[in-house]
Amino acid sequence: MAKQEIKINWLENMAFEADVSGHKITIDAGKQVGGENRGPRPKPLLMVGLAGCTAMDVISILKKMRIEPEEFNVRVEGDVTEEHPKQFERMKVIYEFKGENLPMEKLQKAVSLSEERYCGVSAMYKKAIEMTSEIVILN
């Protein structure tokens, strides 16, 4: 089994700096809870991990199919519980493509392969929360 590790260091107040593969990410809380809004909150970074994982899969698969959209974006919407511990109940991944003559069946195949076979973040989240997705072709 491969092991991955990150380190997080306290800066001050509610601010921390994470070292992720040699890249620095500052996370912080809002002013209403003692932070200074110096960086994102931790919970949305869970959505960033999901979006990044599946986006990299999909674009890699599409390139192998010789399909390169003009634009490609992934949005993730998450529903968080009202009670503590506030946590995601469900997430929806929206794949947005723009380009001429994009073959929907190949877009669906690339998304399906990511969601069902390659994206480890998606696989982990599916064990804990409801996951849905949608493909949108932008004009």
Protein backbone atom coordinates (compact mmCIF):
# COMPACT_ATOMS: atom_id res chain seq x y z
CA MET A 1 0.00 0.00 0.00
CA ALA A 2 1.34 3.44 -0.94
CA LYS A 3 1.41 6.06 1.76
CA GLN A 4 0.85 9.77 1.27
CA GLU A 5 1.41 12.47 3.84
CA ILE A 6 0.89 16.17 4.25
CA LYS A 7 1.99 18.48 7.03
CA ILE A 8 0.12 21.45 8.40
CA ASN A 9 1.72 24.16 10.54
CA TRP A 10 -0.06 26.72 12.69
CA LEU A 11 0.73 30.28 11.63
CA GLU A 12 -1.40 32.35 14.04
CA ASN A 13 -5.00 32.70 15.18
CA MET A 14 -6.94 30.29 12.92
CA ALA A 15 -4.45 30.32 10.01
CA PHE A 16 -2.46 27.23 9.04
CA GLU A 17 -0.07 26.51 6.21
CA ALA A 18 -0.23 23.10 4.57
CA ASP A 19 2.70 21.63 2.71
CA VAL A 20 1.29 19.41 -0.03
CA SER A 21 3.97 17.83 -2.23
CA GLY A 22 6.15 20.91 -1.77
CA HIS A 23 3.32 23.34 -2.54
CA LYS A 24 2.11 25.71 0.17
CA ILE A 25 -1.60 26.22 0.82
CA THR A 26 -2.79 28.63 3.50
CA ILE A 27 -6.11 27.78 5.10
CA ASP A 28 -7.95 30.07 7.49
CA ALA A 29 -11.30 30.77 9.07
CA GLY A 30 -13.54 33.78 8.64
CA LYS A 31 -13.36 36.81 10.92
CA GLN A 32 -16.59 35.79 12.68
CA VAL A 33 -14.77 32.81 14.24
CA GLY A 34 -11.37 34.36 14.91
CA GLY A 35 -9.73 34.02 11.51
CA GLU A 36 -8.50 36.61 9.06
CA ASN A 37 -9.79 35.04 5.82
CA ARG A 38 -6.22 34.47 4.57
CA GLY A 39 -7.16 31.35 2.66
CA PRO A 40 -9.92 28.86 1.93
CA ARG A 41 -11.71 26.82 4.58
CA PRO A 42 -10.83 23.12 4.80
CA LYS A 43 -14.25 21.71 3.83
CA PRO A 44 -14.38 23.24 0.31
CA LEU A 45 -10.93 21.78 -0.33
CA LEU A 46 -12.62 18.37 -0.21
CA MET A 47 -14.59 19.50 -3.27
CA VAL A 48 -11.39 20.78 -4.91
CA GLY A 49 -9.83 17.34 -4.47
CA LEU A 50 -12.81 15.67 -6.11
CA ALA A 51 -13.00 18.17 -8.99
CA GLY A 52 -9.28 17.97 -9.66
CA CYS A 53 -9.15 14.18 -9.55
CA THR A 54 -12.04 13.61 -11.95
CA ALA A 55 -11.10 16.54 -14.24
CA MET A 56 -7.60 15.15 -14.76
CA ASP A 57 -9.04 11.71 -15.52
CA VAL A 58 -11.61 13.00 -17.99
CA ILE A 59 -9.24 15.24 -19.95
CA SER A 60 -6.63 12.46 -20.10
CA ILE A 61 -9.19 9.95 -21.39
CA LEU A 62 -10.57 12.44 -23.95
CA LYS A 63 -7.07 13.20 -25.25
CA LYS A 64 -6.53 9.45 -25.80
CA MET A 65 -9.81 9.48 -27.77
CA ARG A 66 -8.39 12.44 -29.77
CA ILE A 67 -11.09 14.75 -28.45
CA GLU A 68 -10.01 18.11 -27.11
CA PRO A 69 -12.75 20.51 -26.07
CA GLU A 70 -12.26 24.27 -26.44
CA GLU A 71 -13.12 24.59 -22.76
CA PHE A 72 -13.59 22.11 -19.96
CA ASN A 73 -14.67 22.93 -16.41
CA VAL A 74 -15.78 20.88 -13.47
CA ARG A 75 -18.05 22.32 -10.81
CA VAL A 76 -18.91 20.55 -7.58
CA GLU A 77 -21.98 21.41 -5.51
CA GLY A 78 -22.11 20.08 -1.97
CA ASP A 79 -24.95 19.97 0.56
CA VAL A 80 -23.77 20.37 4.15
CA THR A 81 -25.75 19.37 7.24
CA GLU A 82 -27.00 22.08 9.60
CA GLU A 83 -26.00 20.21 12.76
CA HIS A 84 -22.52 19.62 14.12
CA PRO A 85 -20.40 18.02 12.99
CA LYS A 86 -21.34 19.90 9.81
CA GLN A 87 -20.54 17.53 6.99
CA PHE A 88 -21.35 16.86 3.37
CA GLU A 89 -24.49 14.77 2.82
CA ARG A 90 -24.21 14.76 -0.95
CA MET A 91 -22.16 16.17 -3.80
CA LYS A 92 -22.98 16.75 -7.43
CA VAL A 93 -20.26 16.96 -10.06
CA ILE A 94 -21.11 19.06 -13.12
CA TYR A 95 -18.87 18.52 -16.14
CA GLU A 96 -19.03 21.53 -18.49
CA PHE A 97 -17.72 21.16 -22.04
CA LYS A 98 -17.51 23.68 -24.85
CA GLY A 99 -16.52 22.95 -28.42
CA GLU A 100 -17.68 22.09 -31.92
CA ASN A 101 -19.19 18.67 -32.61
CA LEU A 102 -18.35 17.12 -29.25
CA PRO A 103 -19.57 13.49 -29.31
CA MET A 104 -21.80 13.07 -26.24
CA GLU A 105 -21.28 9.31 -26.11
CA LYS A 106 -17.50 9.78 -25.77
CA LEU A 107 -17.91 12.50 -23.15
CA GLN A 108 -20.19 10.15 -21.20
CA LYS A 109 -17.67 7.32 -21.56
CA ALA A 110 -14.81 9.48 -20.24
CA VAL A 111 -16.89 10.68 -17.28
CA SER A 112 -18.09 7.16 -16.53
CA LEU A 113 -14.55 5.75 -16.58
CA SER A 114 -13.40 8.45 -14.17
CA GLU A 115 -16.33 8.00 -11.80
CA GLU A 116 -16.37 4.20 -11.82
CA ARG A 117 -12.75 3.21 -12.30
CA TYR A 118 -10.06 5.84 -11.96
CA CYS A 119 -10.92 8.68 -9.55
CA GLY A 120 -9.88 7.55 -6.09
CA VAL A 121 -11.44 10.61 -4.46
CA SER A 122 -14.82 9.85 -6.01
CA ALA A 123 -14.54 6.18 -5.00
CA MET A 124 -13.86 7.15 -1.39
CA TYR A 125 -16.66 9.73 -1.23
CA LYS A 126 -19.20 7.27 -2.70
CA LYS A 127 -18.68 5.10 0.39
CA ALA A 128 -19.78 7.96 2.65
CA ILE A 129 -22.19 10.26 0.80
CA GLU A 130 -24.60 10.42 -2.12
CA MET A 131 -22.79 11.29 -5.36
CA THR A 132 -24.43 12.42 -8.61
CA SER A 133 -23.16 13.99 -11.82
CA GLU A 134 -24.28 15.83 -14.92
CA ILE A 135 -22.71 16.63 -18.29
CA VAL A 136 -23.43 20.07 -19.75
CA ILE A 137 -22.48 21.28 -23.24
CA LEU A 138 -21.97 25.05 -23.18
CA ASN A 139 -22.66 27.19 -26.25
